[in-house]
N, C-alpha and C. Protein backbone atom coordinates (compact mmCIF):
# COMPACT_ATOMS: atom_id res chain seq x y z
N UNK A 1 21.96 30.66 60.23
CA UNK A 1 21.39 30.06 61.24
C UNK A 1 21.74 28.29 61.46
N UNK A 2 21.99 27.87 62.51
CA UNK A 2 22.18 26.51 62.40
C UNK A 2 20.75 25.54 62.74
N UNK A 3 19.57 26.13 62.91
CA UNK A 3 18.80 25.79 62.78
C UNK A 3 18.55 24.82 64.15
N UNK A 4 18.97 25.20 65.15
CA UNK A 4 19.00 24.35 66.35
C UNK A 4 17.40 24.18 67.11
N UNK A 5 17.13 23.12 67.54
CA UNK A 5 15.78 23.39 68.15
C UNK A 5 16.29 23.05 69.77
N UNK A 6 15.11 23.38 70.79
CA UNK A 6 15.62 23.33 72.18
C UNK A 6 14.15 22.90 72.76
N UNK A 7 14.05 21.69 72.89
CA UNK A 7 12.70 21.36 73.63
C UNK A 7 12.55 21.30 75.03
N UNK A 8 13.93 21.39 75.74
CA UNK A 8 13.95 21.59 77.06
C UNK A 8 14.96 22.03 77.42
N UNK A 9 14.91 23.19 78.13
CA UNK A 9 15.81 24.03 78.76
C UNK A 9 15.36 24.62 80.29
N UNK A 10 16.16 23.73 81.33
CA UNK A 10 15.83 24.03 82.86
C UNK A 10 17.40 24.14 83.09
N UNK A 11 17.41 24.76 84.56
CA UNK A 11 18.55 24.99 85.21
C UNK A 11 19.24 23.45 85.63
N UNK A 12 18.41 22.03 85.43
CA UNK A 12 18.98 20.80 85.90
C UNK A 12 18.95 19.89 84.49
N UNK A 13 18.55 20.24 83.34
CA UNK A 13 18.98 19.65 82.38
C UNK A 13 18.37 20.35 81.08
N UNK A 14 19.03 20.12 79.98
CA UNK A 14 18.79 20.67 78.80
C UNK A 14 18.73 19.73 77.45
N UNK A 15 18.12 20.01 76.56
CA UNK A 15 18.06 19.01 75.31
C UNK A 15 17.92 19.88 74.31
N UNK A 16 18.77 19.48 73.26
CA UNK A 16 18.55 20.26 72.10
C UNK A 16 18.92 19.30 70.88
N UNK A 17 18.65 19.63 69.49
CA UNK A 17 18.72 18.92 68.66
C UNK A 17 18.66 19.73 67.22
N UNK A 18 19.56 18.94 66.01
CA UNK A 18 19.29 19.41 64.71
C UNK A 18 19.24 18.42 63.78
N UNK A 19 18.58 18.67 62.87
CA UNK A 19 18.61 17.73 61.59
C UNK A 19 19.81 17.87 60.71
N UNK A 20 20.80 17.27 60.13
CA UNK A 20 21.98 17.27 59.56
C UNK A 20 21.46 18.04 58.06
N UNK A 21 21.99 19.12 57.57
CA UNK A 21 21.95 19.48 56.36
C UNK A 21 23.19 20.22 55.79
N UNK A 22 23.19 20.64 54.63
CA UNK A 22 24.53 21.36 54.01
C UNK A 22 25.05 22.63 55.22
N UNK A 23 24.20 22.92 55.57
CA UNK A 23 25.04 23.95 56.72
C UNK A 23 25.77 23.60 57.78
N UNK A 24 25.74 22.48 58.32
CA UNK A 24 26.46 21.74 59.09
C UNK A 24 27.65 21.08 58.59
N UNK A 25 27.76 20.94 57.61
CA UNK A 25 28.86 20.15 57.15
C UNK A 25 30.22 20.91 56.60
N UNK A 26 31.32 20.35 56.90
CA UNK A 26 32.51 20.64 56.45
C UNK A 26 33.05 20.22 54.90
N UNK A 27 33.77 20.73 54.18
CA UNK A 27 34.19 20.32 52.99
C UNK A 27 34.29 18.64 52.64
N UNK A 28 34.52 17.87 53.68
CA UNK A 28 34.63 16.44 53.47
C UNK A 28 33.42 15.67 53.87
N UNK A 29 32.00 16.65 53.81
CA UNK A 29 30.91 16.03 54.03
C UNK A 29 30.52 15.77 55.52
N UNK A 30 31.40 15.96 56.54
CA UNK A 30 31.07 15.44 57.82
C UNK A 30 30.65 16.64 58.41
N UNK A 31 30.02 16.42 59.63
CA UNK A 31 29.44 17.51 60.39
C UNK A 31 30.70 18.05 61.09
N UNK A 32 30.46 19.50 60.87
CA UNK A 32 31.91 20.08 61.29
C UNK A 32 31.93 20.25 62.84
N UNK A 33 32.75 20.02 63.45
CA UNK A 33 32.97 20.05 65.06
C UNK A 33 32.43 21.38 65.59
N UNK A 34 32.61 22.51 64.95
CA UNK A 34 32.06 23.65 65.55
C UNK A 34 30.69 23.78 65.54
N UNK A 35 29.86 23.08 65.07
CA UNK A 35 28.47 22.75 64.99
C UNK A 35 28.05 21.82 66.40
N UNK A 36 28.82 20.92 66.59
CA UNK A 36 28.77 20.44 67.81
C UNK A 36 28.87 21.15 69.09
N UNK A 37 29.89 22.18 68.73
CA UNK A 37 30.52 22.78 69.97
C UNK A 37 29.39 24.30 70.48
N UNK A 38 28.91 24.82 69.22
CA UNK A 38 27.94 25.75 69.17
C UNK A 38 26.63 25.08 70.18
N UNK A 39 26.05 24.00 69.47
CA UNK A 39 25.10 23.42 70.29
C UNK A 39 25.08 22.95 71.75
N UNK A 40 26.24 22.66 72.17
CA UNK A 40 26.56 22.52 73.41
C UNK A 40 26.97 23.74 74.26
N UNK A 41 27.30 24.79 73.63
CA UNK A 41 27.48 26.12 74.26
C UNK A 41 26.08 26.93 74.55
N UNK A 42 25.49 26.34 73.51
CA UNK A 42 23.89 27.23 73.44
C UNK A 42 23.13 26.67 74.43
N UNK A 43 23.29 25.14 74.77
CA UNK A 43 22.43 24.69 75.64
C UNK A 43 22.67 25.12 77.31
N UNK A 44 24.37 24.95 77.25
CA UNK A 44 24.91 25.52 78.43
C UNK A 44 24.39 27.03 79.02
N UNK A 45 24.66 27.64 78.13
CA UNK A 45 23.97 29.22 78.39
C UNK A 45 22.74 29.41 78.47
N UNK A 46 21.67 28.73 77.83
CA UNK A 46 20.55 28.90 78.13
C UNK A 46 19.99 27.93 79.54
N UNK A 47 20.46 27.10 79.87
CA UNK A 47 20.31 26.24 80.94
C UNK A 47 20.76 26.94 82.33
N UNK A 48 22.01 27.76 82.20
CA UNK A 48 22.68 28.72 83.31
C UNK A 48 21.68 29.86 83.30
N UNK A 49 21.30 30.37 81.92
CA UNK A 49 20.45 31.68 82.20
C UNK A 49 19.12 31.12 83.08
N UNK A 50 18.44 30.01 82.96
CA UNK A 50 17.33 29.68 83.30
C UNK A 50 17.74 29.52 84.72
N UNK A 51 18.87 28.93 85.21
CA UNK A 51 19.01 28.77 86.47
C UNK A 51 19.28 30.02 87.40
N UNK A 52 19.65 31.23 86.65
CA UNK A 52 19.73 32.55 87.58
C UNK A 52 18.58 33.26 87.16
N UNK A 53 17.56 32.80 86.93
CA UNK A 53 16.33 33.65 86.59
C UNK A 53 16.19 34.26 85.92
N UNK A 54 17.17 34.27 84.59
CA UNK A 54 17.01 35.06 83.26
C UNK A 54 16.99 36.54 83.87
N UNK A 55 17.77 36.72 84.88
CA UNK A 55 18.19 38.25 85.72
C UNK A 55 18.80 38.94 84.51
N UNK A 56 18.05 40.37 84.33
CA UNK A 56 18.54 40.94 83.48
C UNK A 56 19.92 42.01 84.06
N UNK A 57 20.03 41.81 84.93
CA UNK A 57 21.33 42.22 85.78
C UNK A 57 22.58 41.35 85.58
N UNK A 58 22.32 40.15 85.11
CA UNK A 58 23.44 39.28 84.90
C UNK A 58 23.71 39.27 83.21
N UNK A 59 25.00 38.73 83.09
CA UNK A 59 25.40 38.54 81.64
C UNK A 59 25.73 36.83 81.91
N UNK A 60 25.24 36.32 81.12
CA UNK A 60 25.88 34.62 80.89
C UNK A 60 26.20 34.53 79.51
N UNK A 61 27.68 33.89 79.59
CA UNK A 61 28.38 33.97 78.31
C UNK A 61 29.23 32.92 78.58
N UNK A 62 29.85 32.12 77.38
CA UNK A 62 30.65 31.11 77.57
C UNK A 62 31.95 31.80 77.89
N UNK A 63 32.59 30.81 78.56
CA UNK A 63 33.97 31.09 79.24
C UNK A 63 34.99 30.04 78.64
N UNK A 64 34.32 28.64 78.61
CA UNK A 64 35.45 27.24 78.02
C UNK A 64 34.47 26.43 77.34
N UNK A 65 34.94 25.78 76.53
CA UNK A 65 34.24 24.96 75.69
C UNK A 65 35.04 23.99 75.30
N UNK A 66 35.21 22.52 75.48
CA UNK A 66 35.97 21.60 75.07
C UNK A 66 35.12 20.50 74.63
N UNK A 67 35.29 20.25 73.26
CA UNK A 67 34.26 19.36 72.85
C UNK A 67 35.25 18.28 71.98
N UNK A 68 34.90 17.12 72.22
CA UNK A 68 35.67 15.68 71.75
C UNK A 68 34.71 15.24 70.54
N UNK A 69 35.23 14.91 69.64
CA UNK A 69 34.24 14.36 68.41
C UNK A 69 34.72 12.96 68.33
N UNK A 70 33.72 11.80 68.45
CA UNK A 70 33.73 10.85 68.69
C UNK A 70 33.11 9.64 67.37
N UNK A 71 32.14 10.21 66.77
CA UNK A 71 31.75 9.59 65.62
C UNK A 71 31.52 10.51 64.54
N UNK A 72 32.03 10.42 63.08
CA UNK A 72 31.77 11.14 62.12
C UNK A 72 30.29 11.02 61.63
N UNK A 73 29.56 12.16 61.33
CA UNK A 73 28.34 12.24 60.99
C UNK A 73 27.92 12.56 59.94
N UNK A 74 27.19 12.15 58.70
CA UNK A 74 27.16 12.92 57.69
C UNK A 74 25.43 13.19 57.21
N UNK A 75 24.75 12.65 58.04
CA UNK A 75 23.02 12.78 57.73
C UNK A 75 22.19 12.30 58.87
N UNK A 76 21.14 12.77 59.08
CA UNK A 76 20.31 12.26 60.25
C UNK A 76 20.04 13.09 61.34
N UNK A 77 19.66 12.86 62.69
CA UNK A 77 19.58 14.12 63.49
C UNK A 77 20.28 13.85 64.63
N UNK A 78 20.98 14.81 65.13
CA UNK A 78 21.60 14.73 66.52
C UNK A 78 21.04 15.39 67.64
N UNK A 79 20.85 14.36 68.87
CA UNK A 79 20.26 15.01 69.79
C UNK A 79 21.33 15.07 71.02
N UNK A 80 21.08 16.19 71.65
CA UNK A 80 22.25 16.57 72.63
C UNK A 80 21.46 16.56 73.79
N UNK A 81 22.04 16.25 75.05
CA UNK A 81 21.25 16.39 76.57
C UNK A 81 22.52 16.88 77.39
N UNK A 82 22.25 17.70 78.46
CA UNK A 82 22.99 18.10 79.35
C UNK A 82 22.66 18.08 80.69
N UNK A 83 23.72 18.24 81.63
CA UNK A 83 23.55 18.52 82.87
C UNK A 83 24.52 19.27 83.50
N UNK A 84 24.19 20.05 84.43
CA UNK A 84 25.49 20.81 85.19
C UNK A 84 25.66 19.96 86.27
N UNK A 85 26.96 20.14 86.39
CA UNK A 85 27.61 19.25 87.71
C UNK A 85 28.31 20.48 88.64
N UNK A 86 28.55 21.68 88.18
CA UNK A 86 29.14 22.57 89.22
C UNK A 86 28.13 23.79 88.85
N UNK A 87 27.45 24.35 90.07
CA UNK A 87 26.64 25.65 89.98
C UNK A 87 27.07 26.50 90.97
N UNK A 88 27.88 27.51 90.64
CA UNK A 88 28.62 28.33 91.34
C UNK A 88 27.84 29.95 91.38
N UNK A 89 28.10 30.82 92.32
CA UNK A 89 28.11 31.82 92.27
C UNK A 89 28.35 32.85 90.80
N UNK A 90 29.67 32.42 90.49
CA UNK A 90 30.07 33.12 89.12
C UNK A 90 30.42 32.26 87.86
N UNK A 91 30.32 30.70 87.89
CA UNK A 91 30.44 29.96 87.25
C UNK A 91 29.48 28.71 87.10
N UNK A 92 29.19 28.27 85.93
CA UNK A 92 28.49 27.05 86.11
C UNK A 92 29.28 26.23 84.89
N UNK A 93 29.47 24.71 85.40
CA UNK A 93 30.05 23.80 84.34
C UNK A 93 29.02 22.93 83.95
N UNK A 94 28.75 22.53 82.77
CA UNK A 94 28.24 21.84 82.22
C UNK A 94 28.68 20.44 81.50
N UNK A 95 28.25 19.23 81.47
CA UNK A 95 28.67 18.38 80.51
C UNK A 95 27.72 18.08 79.77
N UNK A 96 27.75 17.92 78.46
CA UNK A 96 27.04 17.91 77.05
C UNK A 96 27.04 16.30 76.38
N UNK A 97 26.05 15.68 76.22
CA UNK A 97 26.47 14.53 75.15
C UNK A 97 25.61 14.77 73.88
N UNK A 98 26.24 14.13 72.61
CA UNK A 98 25.49 14.35 71.30
C UNK A 98 25.44 13.11 70.83
N UNK A 99 24.22 12.50 70.54
CA UNK A 99 23.76 11.13 70.12
C UNK A 99 23.40 11.02 68.49
N UNK A 100 23.43 10.15 68.11
CA UNK A 100 22.78 10.12 66.88
C UNK A 100 21.43 9.23 66.81
N UNK A 101 20.63 8.96 65.72
CA UNK A 101 19.62 8.53 65.79
C UNK A 101 19.70 7.12 66.40
N UNK A 102 20.59 6.61 66.55
CA UNK A 102 20.75 5.19 67.07
C UNK A 102 21.32 4.94 68.61
N UNK A 103 21.47 6.27 69.10
CA UNK A 103 21.77 6.79 70.46
C UNK A 103 23.14 6.56 70.69
N UNK A 104 24.11 6.21 69.54
CA UNK A 104 25.40 6.00 69.47
C UNK A 104 26.22 7.54 69.99
N UNK A 105 27.05 7.97 70.66
CA UNK A 105 27.79 9.23 70.99
C UNK A 105 28.41 9.52 69.71
N UNK A 106 28.44 11.02 69.80
CA UNK A 106 28.80 11.52 68.67
C UNK A 106 29.82 12.55 68.90
N UNK A 107 29.73 13.07 70.18
CA UNK A 107 30.60 14.38 70.56
C UNK A 107 30.03 14.32 72.08
N UNK A 108 31.14 14.94 72.90
CA UNK A 108 30.76 14.94 74.37
C UNK A 108 31.46 16.67 74.43
N UNK A 109 31.00 17.26 75.15
CA UNK A 109 31.54 18.63 75.60
C UNK A 109 31.27 18.90 77.23
N UNK A 110 32.48 19.68 77.56
CA UNK A 110 32.27 20.06 78.98
C UNK A 110 32.50 21.64 78.51
N UNK A 111 31.48 22.49 79.00
CA UNK A 111 31.11 23.68 78.56
C UNK A 111 31.44 24.57 80.13
N UNK A 112 32.01 25.75 80.20
CA UNK A 112 32.02 26.59 81.44
C UNK A 112 31.16 27.95 81.13
N UNK A 113 30.48 28.27 81.95
CA UNK A 113 29.63 29.46 81.45
C UNK A 113 29.96 30.66 82.63
N UNK A 114 30.07 31.77 82.31
CA UNK A 114 30.62 32.93 83.04
C UNK A 114 29.05 33.21 83.33
N UNK A 115 29.05 34.21 84.73
CA UNK A 115 27.80 34.71 85.35
C UNK A 115 28.71 36.11 85.81
N UNK A 116 28.08 37.07 85.12
CA UNK A 116 28.52 38.38 85.50
C UNK A 116 27.63 39.59 85.49
N UNK A 117 28.05 40.64 86.48
CA UNK A 117 27.06 41.66 86.50
C UNK A 117 27.17 42.33 85.12
N UNK A 118 26.08 42.90 84.54
CA UNK A 118 25.78 43.64 83.23
C UNK A 118 26.31 44.80 83.55
N UNK A 119 27.14 45.54 82.69
CA UNK A 119 27.84 46.81 82.68
C UNK A 119 26.70 47.68 82.45
N UNK A 120 26.67 48.73 83.08
CA UNK A 120 25.89 49.87 82.74
C UNK A 120 26.32 50.68 81.17
């Protein structure tokens, strides 16, 4: 597990964080880009689930995740915040920003979440 924390999950705003440890690093000692992408998608998925009322008749799942890495990180805590800018019937689109402890951008993500009826 990547040990993400989610202090805020709502349909309007999400906040997550993790403290960098060996699980998050690629061989060169930098936070692996997939960690940022996983955090962004988890936040967007949970925010969307909140937005649709955690309806058990619906499946909320990642459809697209485009993450850009802006600052290499090797230690510290990463804080992520996101907001939806599209809330449709079948898709939500989120912007998520990851910052270091000095509030410098480390990564930005645009995540599309699909909302579909659960199959029987």
